[in-house]
Full PDB file with SEQRES, HELIX, SHEET, SSBOND, CRYST1, ORIGX, SCALE, CONECT and MASTER records, all heavy atoms in Angstrom:
SEQRES   1 A   31  GLY SER PHE PRO LEU ILE ARG THR LEU ALA THR GLY ARG          
SEQRES   2 A   31  PRO LYS THR VAL LEU ARG PHE LYS PHE THR LEU LYS GLY          
SEQRES   3 A   31  GLY GLY LYS GLY SER                                          
SHEET    1 AA1 2 PHE A  22  THR A  23  0                                        
SHEET    2 AA1 2 LYS A  29  GLY A  30 -1                                        
CRYST1    1.000    1.000    1.000  90.00  90.00  90.00 P 1           1          
ORIGX1      1.000000  0.000000  0.000000        0.00000                         
ORIGX2      0.000000  1.000000  0.000000        0.00000                         
ORIGX3      0.000000  0.000000  1.000000        0.00000                         
SCALE1      1.000000  0.000000  0.000000        0.00000                         
SCALE2      0.000000  1.000000  0.000000        0.00000                         
SCALE3      0.000000  0.000000  1.000000        0.00000                         
ATOM      1  N   GLY A   1      95.839 106.152 101.232  1.00  0.00           N  
ATOM      2  CA  GLY A   1      96.480 107.072 100.166  1.00  0.00           C  
ATOM      3  C   GLY A   1      96.231 106.490  98.851  1.00  0.00           C  
ATOM      4  O   GLY A   1      95.342 105.720  98.602  1.00  0.00           O  
ATOM      5  N   SER A   2      97.091 106.912  97.893  1.00  0.00           N  
ATOM      6  CA  SER A   2      96.931 106.437  96.532  1.00  0.00           C  
ATOM      7  C   SER A   2      98.319 106.055  95.996  1.00  0.00           C  
ATOM      8  O   SER A   2      99.358 106.488  96.485  1.00  0.00           O  
ATOM      9  CB  SER A   2      96.347 107.497  95.623  1.00  0.00           C  
ATOM     10  OG  SER A   2      97.174 108.644  95.561  1.00  0.00           O  
ATOM     11  N   PHE A   3      98.293 105.244  94.924  1.00  0.00           N  
ATOM     12  CA  PHE A   3      99.575 104.765  94.403  1.00  0.00           C  
ATOM     13  C   PHE A   3      99.351 104.635  92.882  1.00  0.00           C  
ATOM     14  O   PHE A   3      98.463 103.967  92.369  1.00  0.00           O  
ATOM     15  CB  PHE A   3      99.884 103.409  94.979  1.00  0.00           C  
ATOM     16  CG  PHE A   3     101.311 102.967  94.738  1.00  0.00           C  
ATOM     17  CD1 PHE A   3     102.209 103.306  95.650  1.00  0.00           C  
ATOM     18  CD2 PHE A   3     101.638 102.225  93.669  1.00  0.00           C  
ATOM     19  CE1 PHE A   3     103.580 102.952  95.487  1.00  0.00           C  
ATOM     20  CE2 PHE A   3     102.944 101.808  93.507  1.00  0.00           C  
ATOM     21  CZ  PHE A   3     103.883 102.182  94.429  1.00  0.00           C  
ATOM     22  N   PRO A   4     100.265 105.338  92.068  1.00  0.00           N  
ATOM     23  CA  PRO A   4     100.082 105.454  90.650  1.00  0.00           C  
ATOM     24  C   PRO A   4     100.594 104.124  89.898  1.00  0.00           C  
ATOM     25  O   PRO A   4     101.688 104.146  89.368  1.00  0.00           O  
ATOM     26  CB  PRO A   4     100.906 106.622  90.252  1.00  0.00           C  
ATOM     27  CG  PRO A   4     102.030 106.704  91.352  1.00  0.00           C  
ATOM     28  CD  PRO A   4     101.336 106.124  92.595  1.00  0.00           C  
ATOM     29  N   LEU A   5      99.783 103.160  89.941  1.00  0.00           N  
ATOM     30  CA  LEU A   5     100.160 101.859  89.268  1.00  0.00           C  
ATOM     31  C   LEU A   5      98.883 101.245  88.654  1.00  0.00           C  
ATOM     32  O   LEU A   5      97.899 101.276  89.244  1.00  0.00           O  
ATOM     33  CB  LEU A   5     100.772 100.777  90.329  1.00  0.00           C  
ATOM     34  CG  LEU A   5     101.279  99.549  89.726  1.00  0.00           C  
ATOM     35  CD1 LEU A   5     102.429  99.718  88.890  1.00  0.00           C  
ATOM     36  CD2 LEU A   5     101.689  98.641  90.911  1.00  0.00           C  
ATOM     37  N   ILE A   6      99.124 100.687  87.461  1.00  0.00           N  
ATOM     38  CA  ILE A   6      97.924 100.070  86.794  1.00  0.00           C  
ATOM     39  C   ILE A   6      98.057  98.636  86.917  1.00  0.00           C  
ATOM     40  O   ILE A   6      99.049  97.976  86.725  1.00  0.00           O  
ATOM     41  CB  ILE A   6      97.983 100.477  85.234  1.00  0.00           C  
ATOM     42  CG1 ILE A   6      97.898 101.955  85.055  1.00  0.00           C  
ATOM     43  CG2 ILE A   6      96.812  99.697  84.574  1.00  0.00           C  
ATOM     44  CD1 ILE A   6      96.532 102.628  85.616  1.00  0.00           C  
ATOM     45  N   ARG A   7      96.907  97.954  87.319  1.00  0.00           N  
ATOM     46  CA  ARG A   7      96.768  96.510  87.400  1.00  0.00           C  
ATOM     47  C   ARG A   7      95.671  96.078  86.569  1.00  0.00           C  
ATOM     48  O   ARG A   7      94.663  96.733  86.380  1.00  0.00           O  
ATOM     49  CB  ARG A   7      96.537  96.069  88.892  1.00  0.00           C  
ATOM     50  CG  ARG A   7      97.641  96.346  89.764  1.00  0.00           C  
ATOM     51  CD  ARG A   7      98.736  95.319  89.543  1.00  0.00           C  
ATOM     52  NE  ARG A   7      99.879  95.803  90.389  1.00  0.00           N  
ATOM     53  CZ  ARG A   7     100.514  94.860  91.214  1.00  0.00           C  
ATOM     54  NH1 ARG A   7     100.073  93.678  91.291  1.00  0.00           N  
ATOM     55  NH2 ARG A   7     101.527  95.258  91.876  1.00  0.00           N  
ATOM     56  N   THR A   8      95.790  94.871  85.970  1.00  0.00           N  
ATOM     57  CA  THR A   8      94.589  94.352  85.090  1.00  0.00           C  
ATOM     58  C   THR A   8      94.230  92.922  85.537  1.00  0.00           C  
ATOM     59  O   THR A   8      95.024  92.217  86.254  1.00  0.00           O  
ATOM     60  CB  THR A   8      95.074  94.246  83.635  1.00  0.00           C  
ATOM     61  OG1 THR A   8      96.245  93.381  83.583  1.00  0.00           O  
ATOM     62  CG2 THR A   8      95.507  95.560  83.144  1.00  0.00           C  
ATOM     63  N   LEU A   9      93.078  92.504  85.210  1.00  0.00           N  
ATOM     64  CA  LEU A   9      92.531  91.226  85.462  1.00  0.00           C  
ATOM     65  C   LEU A   9      92.212  90.534  84.154  1.00  0.00           C  
ATOM     66  O   LEU A   9      91.537  91.099  83.347  1.00  0.00           O  
ATOM     67  CB  LEU A   9      91.256  91.321  86.324  1.00  0.00           C  
ATOM     68  CG  LEU A   9      90.618  90.094  86.805  1.00  0.00           C  
ATOM     69  CD1 LEU A   9      91.584  89.301  87.722  1.00  0.00           C  
ATOM     70  CD2 LEU A   9      89.311  90.306  87.523  1.00  0.00           C  
ATOM     71  N   ALA A  10      92.798  89.343  83.984  1.00  0.00           N  
ATOM     72  CA  ALA A  10      92.760  88.809  82.647  1.00  0.00           C  
ATOM     73  C   ALA A  10      91.358  88.413  82.252  1.00  0.00           C  
ATOM     74  O   ALA A  10      91.087  88.465  81.031  1.00  0.00           O  
ATOM     75  CB  ALA A  10      93.597  87.422  82.740  1.00  0.00           C  
ATOM     76  N   THR A  11      90.385  88.216  83.101  1.00  0.00           N  
ATOM     77  CA  THR A  11      89.026  87.955  82.614  1.00  0.00           C  
ATOM     78  C   THR A  11      88.216  89.130  82.152  1.00  0.00           C  
ATOM     79  O   THR A  11      87.132  88.986  81.664  1.00  0.00           O  
ATOM     80  CB  THR A  11      88.254  87.395  83.914  1.00  0.00           C  
ATOM     81  OG1 THR A  11      88.224  88.437  84.898  1.00  0.00           O  
ATOM     82  CG2 THR A  11      88.792  86.100  84.433  1.00  0.00           C  
ATOM     83  N   GLY A  12      88.886  90.347  82.192  1.00  0.00           N  
ATOM     84  CA  GLY A  12      88.134  91.528  81.695  1.00  0.00           C  
ATOM     85  C   GLY A  12      87.393  92.137  82.653  1.00  0.00           C  
ATOM     86  O   GLY A  12      86.772  93.241  82.501  1.00  0.00           O  
ATOM     87  N   ARG A  13      87.235  91.656  84.024  1.00  0.00           N  
ATOM     88  CA  ARG A  13      86.570  92.262  85.119  1.00  0.00           C  
ATOM     89  C   ARG A  13      87.523  93.174  85.746  1.00  0.00           C  
ATOM     90  O   ARG A  13      88.652  92.913  85.981  1.00  0.00           O  
ATOM     91  CB  ARG A  13      86.071  91.286  86.105  1.00  0.00           C  
ATOM     92  CG  ARG A  13      85.061  90.388  85.528  1.00  0.00           C  
ATOM     93  CD  ARG A  13      84.470  89.440  86.567  1.00  0.00           C  
ATOM     94  NE  ARG A  13      85.598  88.643  87.230  1.00  0.00           N  
ATOM     95  CZ  ARG A  13      85.733  88.462  88.555  1.00  0.00           C  
ATOM     96  NH1 ARG A  13      84.943  89.112  89.377  1.00  0.00           N  
ATOM     97  NH2 ARG A  13      86.622  87.846  89.015  1.00  0.00           N  
ATOM     98  N   PRO A  14      86.987  94.315  86.261  1.00  0.00           N  
ATOM     99  CA  PRO A  14      87.908  95.285  87.031  1.00  0.00           C  
ATOM    100  C   PRO A  14      88.278  94.669  88.422  1.00  0.00           C  
ATOM    101  O   PRO A  14      87.477  93.885  88.891  1.00  0.00           O  
ATOM    102  CB  PRO A  14      87.067  96.560  87.241  1.00  0.00           C  
ATOM    103  CG  PRO A  14      85.662  96.129  87.091  1.00  0.00           C  
ATOM    104  CD  PRO A  14      85.667  94.974  86.064  1.00  0.00           C  
ATOM    105  N   LYS A  15      89.427  94.907  88.915  1.00  0.00           N  
ATOM    106  CA  LYS A  15      89.738  94.504  90.204  1.00  0.00           C  
ATOM    107  C   LYS A  15      90.419  95.563  90.979  1.00  0.00           C  
ATOM    108  O   LYS A  15      91.098  96.429  90.288  1.00  0.00           O  
ATOM    109  CB  LYS A  15      90.639  93.199  90.254  1.00  0.00           C  
ATOM    110  CG  LYS A  15      92.060  93.550  89.787  1.00  0.00           C  
ATOM    111  CD  LYS A  15      92.988  92.233  89.922  1.00  0.00           C  
ATOM    112  CE  LYS A  15      94.407  92.470  89.634  1.00  0.00           C  
ATOM    113  NZ  LYS A  15      95.214  91.348  89.681  1.00  0.00           N  
ATOM    114  N   THR A  16      90.200  95.641  92.258  1.00  0.00           N  
ATOM    115  CA  THR A  16      90.981  96.549  93.055  1.00  0.00           C  
ATOM    116  C   THR A  16      91.876  95.767  93.911  1.00  0.00           C  
ATOM    117  O   THR A  16      91.606  94.785  94.659  1.00  0.00           O  
ATOM    118  CB  THR A  16      90.002  97.292  93.916  1.00  0.00           C  
ATOM    119  OG1 THR A  16      89.099  98.025  93.144  1.00  0.00           O  
ATOM    120  CG2 THR A  16      90.713  98.247  94.864  1.00  0.00           C  
ATOM    121  N   VAL A  17      93.158  96.143  93.715  1.00  0.00           N  
ATOM    122  CA  VAL A  17      94.333  95.629  94.558  1.00  0.00           C  
ATOM    123  C   VAL A  17      94.578  96.521  95.679  1.00  0.00           C  
ATOM    124  O   VAL A  17      94.795  97.664  95.470  1.00  0.00           O  
ATOM    125  CB  VAL A  17      95.509  95.275  93.593  1.00  0.00           C  
ATOM    126  CG1 VAL A  17      96.672  94.813  94.535  1.00  0.00           C  
ATOM    127  CG2 VAL A  17      95.159  94.287  92.552  1.00  0.00           C  
ATOM    128  N   LEU A  18      94.627  95.980  96.864  1.00  0.00           N  
ATOM    129  CA  LEU A  18      94.974  96.754  98.069  1.00  0.00           C  
ATOM    130  C   LEU A  18      96.461  96.411  98.451  1.00  0.00           C  
ATOM    131  O   LEU A  18      96.843  95.148  98.456  1.00  0.00           O  
ATOM    132  CB  LEU A  18      94.035  96.413  99.180  1.00  0.00           C  
ATOM    133  CG  LEU A  18      92.657  96.706  99.022  1.00  0.00           C  
ATOM    134  CD1 LEU A  18      91.833  96.347 100.250  1.00  0.00           C  
ATOM    135  CD2 LEU A  18      92.385  98.268  98.653  1.00  0.00           C  
ATOM    136  N   ARG A  19      97.289  97.386  98.581  1.00  0.00           N  
ATOM    137  CA  ARG A  19      98.637  97.156  99.013  1.00  0.00           C  
ATOM    138  C   ARG A  19      98.760  97.538 100.534  1.00  0.00           C  
ATOM    139  O   ARG A  19      98.441  98.553 101.000  1.00  0.00           O  
ATOM    140  CB  ARG A  19      99.620  98.046  98.191  1.00  0.00           C  
ATOM    141  CG  ARG A  19     101.072  97.892  98.680  1.00  0.00           C  
ATOM    142  CD  ARG A  19     101.992  98.397  97.645  1.00  0.00           C  
ATOM    143  NE  ARG A  19     101.971  97.469  96.493  1.00  0.00           N  
ATOM    144  CZ  ARG A  19     102.515  97.770  95.334  1.00  0.00           C  
ATOM    145  NH1 ARG A  19     103.035  98.979  95.147  1.00  0.00           N  
ATOM    146  NH2 ARG A  19     102.447  96.938  94.327  1.00  0.00           N  
ATOM    147  N   PHE A  20      99.344  96.505 101.191  1.00  0.00           N  
ATOM    148  CA  PHE A  20      99.597  96.628 102.664  1.00  0.00           C  
ATOM    149  C   PHE A  20     101.048  96.693 102.870  1.00  0.00           C  
ATOM    150  O   PHE A  20     101.903  95.887 102.271  1.00  0.00           O  
ATOM    151  CB  PHE A  20      99.044  95.389 103.327  1.00  0.00           C  
ATOM    152  CG  PHE A  20      97.557  95.167 103.465  1.00  0.00           C  
ATOM    153  CD1 PHE A  20      96.842  94.795 102.245  1.00  0.00           C  
ATOM    154  CD2 PHE A  20      96.866  95.267 104.602  1.00  0.00           C  
ATOM    155  CE1 PHE A  20      95.562  94.606 102.293  1.00  0.00           C  
ATOM    156  CE2 PHE A  20      95.578  95.133 104.635  1.00  0.00           C  
ATOM    157  CZ  PHE A  20      94.913  94.728 103.467  1.00  0.00           C  
ATOM    158  N   LYS A  21     101.473  97.710 103.738  1.00  0.00           N  
ATOM    159  CA  LYS A  21     102.884  97.857 104.154  1.00  0.00           C  
ATOM    160  C   LYS A  21     102.847  97.955 105.639  1.00  0.00           C  
ATOM    161  O   LYS A  21     102.050  98.565 106.270  1.00  0.00           O  
ATOM    162  CB  LYS A  21     103.424  99.050 103.501  1.00  0.00           C  
ATOM    163  CG  LYS A  21     103.685  98.990 101.954  1.00  0.00           C  
ATOM    164  CD  LYS A  21     104.464 100.204 101.459  1.00  0.00           C  
ATOM    165  CE  LYS A  21     104.689 100.020  99.979  1.00  0.00           C  
ATOM    166  NZ  LYS A  21     105.472 101.103  99.426  1.00  0.00           N  
ATOM    167  N   PHE A  22     103.914  97.314 106.261  1.00  0.00           N  
ATOM    168  CA  PHE A  22     103.965  97.356 107.731  1.00  0.00           C  
ATOM    169  C   PHE A  22     105.330  97.260 108.240  1.00  0.00           C  
ATOM    170  O   PHE A  22     106.240  96.702 107.561  1.00  0.00           O  
ATOM    171  CB  PHE A  22     103.141  96.225 108.265  1.00  0.00           C  
ATOM    172  CG  PHE A  22     103.483  94.869 107.929  1.00  0.00           C  
ATOM    173  CD1 PHE A  22     104.402  94.120 108.655  1.00  0.00           C  
ATOM    174  CD2 PHE A  22     103.012  94.194 106.727  1.00  0.00           C  
ATOM    175  CE1 PHE A  22     104.756  92.780 108.208  1.00  0.00           C  
ATOM    176  CE2 PHE A  22     103.384  93.008 106.380  1.00  0.00           C  
ATOM    177  CZ  PHE A  22     104.308  92.242 107.114  1.00  0.00           C  
ATOM    178  N   THR A  23     105.617  97.750 109.411  1.00  0.00           N  
ATOM    179  CA  THR A  23     106.819  97.619 110.188  1.00  0.00           C  
ATOM    180  C   THR A  23     106.401  97.011 111.553  1.00  0.00           C  
ATOM    181  O   THR A  23     105.310  97.230 111.974  1.00  0.00           O  
ATOM    182  CB  THR A  23     107.624  98.851 110.338  1.00  0.00           C  
ATOM    183  OG1 THR A  23     106.790  99.850 111.027  1.00  0.00           O  
ATOM    184  CG2 THR A  23     108.073  99.412 108.998  1.00  0.00           C  
ATOM    185  N   LEU A  24     107.250  96.325 112.132  1.00  0.00           N  
ATOM    186  CA  LEU A  24     106.952  95.554 113.363  1.00  0.00           C  
ATOM    187  C   LEU A  24     107.768  96.086 114.566  1.00  0.00           C  
ATOM    188  O   LEU A  24     108.852  96.651 114.369  1.00  0.00           O  
ATOM    189  CB  LEU A  24     107.301  94.033 113.135  1.00  0.00           C  
ATOM    190  CG  LEU A  24     106.585  93.403 112.050  1.00  0.00           C  
ATOM    191  CD1 LEU A  24     107.151  91.956 111.881  1.00  0.00           C  
ATOM    192  CD2 LEU A  24     105.141  93.390 112.238  1.00  0.00           C  
ATOM    193  N   LYS A  25     107.189  95.966 115.758  1.00  0.00           N  
ATOM    194  CA  LYS A  25     107.929  96.263 116.893  1.00  0.00           C  
ATOM    195  C   LYS A  25     109.135  95.375 117.037  1.00  0.00           C  
ATOM    196  O   LYS A  25     109.051  94.215 116.757  1.00  0.00           O  
ATOM    197  CB  LYS A  25     107.045  96.171 118.193  1.00  0.00           C  
ATOM    198  CG  LYS A  25     105.896  97.130 118.189  1.00  0.00           C  
ATOM    199  CD  LYS A  25     105.040  97.035 119.372  1.00  0.00           C  
ATOM    200  CE  LYS A  25     103.973  98.010 119.452  1.00  0.00           C  
ATOM    201  NZ  LYS A  25     103.090  97.972 120.596  1.00  0.00           N  
ATOM    202  N   GLY A  26     110.248  96.011 117.358  1.00  0.00           N  
ATOM    203  CA  GLY A  26     111.424  95.183 117.483  1.00  0.00           C  
ATOM    204  C   GLY A  26     112.262  94.929 116.224  1.00  0.00           C  
ATOM    205  O   GLY A  26     113.189  94.176 116.163  1.00  0.00           O  
ATOM    206  N   GLY A  27     111.737  95.510 115.091  1.00  0.00           N  
ATOM    207  CA  GLY A  27     112.360  95.365 113.827  1.00  0.00           C  
ATOM    208  C   GLY A  27     111.598  94.417 112.860  1.00  0.00           C  
ATOM    209  O   GLY A  27     110.674  93.592 113.362  1.00  0.00           O  
ATOM    210  N   GLY A  28     111.843  94.435 111.671  1.00  0.00           N  
ATOM    211  CA  GLY A  28     111.102  93.697 110.686  1.00  0.00           C  
ATOM    212  C   GLY A  28     110.135  94.520 109.906  1.00  0.00           C  
ATOM    213  O   GLY A  28     109.541  95.468 110.473  1.00  0.00           O  
ATOM    214  N   LYS A  29     109.906  94.214 108.636  1.00  0.00           N  
ATOM    215  CA  LYS A  29     108.956  94.951 107.867  1.00  0.00           C  
ATOM    216  C   LYS A  29     108.495  93.977 106.743  1.00  0.00           C  
ATOM    217  O   LYS A  29     109.136  92.925 106.304  1.00  0.00           O  
ATOM    218  CB  LYS A  29     109.575  96.155 107.299  1.00  0.00           C  
ATOM    219  CG  LYS A  29     110.791  95.884 106.316  1.00  0.00           C  
ATOM    220  CD  LYS A  29     111.397  97.252 105.870  1.00  0.00           C  
ATOM    221  CE  LYS A  29     112.556  96.977 104.923  1.00  0.00           C  
ATOM    222  NZ  LYS A  29     113.145  98.319 104.374  1.00  0.00           N  
ATOM    223  N   GLY A  30     107.383  94.378 106.089  1.00  0.00           N  
ATOM    224  CA  GLY A  30     106.847  93.573 105.047  1.00  0.00           C  
ATOM    225  C   GLY A  30     105.748  94.313 104.178  1.00  0.00           C  
ATOM    226  O   GLY A  30     105.454  95.474 104.572  1.00  0.00           O  
ATOM    227  N   SER A  31     105.350  93.659 103.126  1.00  0.00           N  
ATOM    228  CA  SER A  31     104.328  94.293 102.248  1.00  0.00           C  
ATOM    229  C   SER A  31     103.756  93.132 101.433  1.00  0.00           C  
ATOM    230  O   SER A  31     104.342  92.084 101.226  1.00  0.00           O  
ATOM    231  CB  SER A  31     104.920  95.378 101.407  1.00  0.00           C  
ATOM    232  OG  SER A  31     105.889  94.791 100.485  1.00  0.00           O  
TER     233      SER A  31                                                      
MASTER        0    0    0    0    2    0    0    6  232    1    0    3          
END                                                                             
C-alpha cells in the first residue's frame, strides 16, 4: 500500500523506508 509520510536522508541521497506491521498467532503485534 502507500503511506503519506516524508522521510529524509541526511547525506542528500534518497532513501526508501519500508514499514512492516504484523500480528501474531495467539496475540502480540509489532511494527
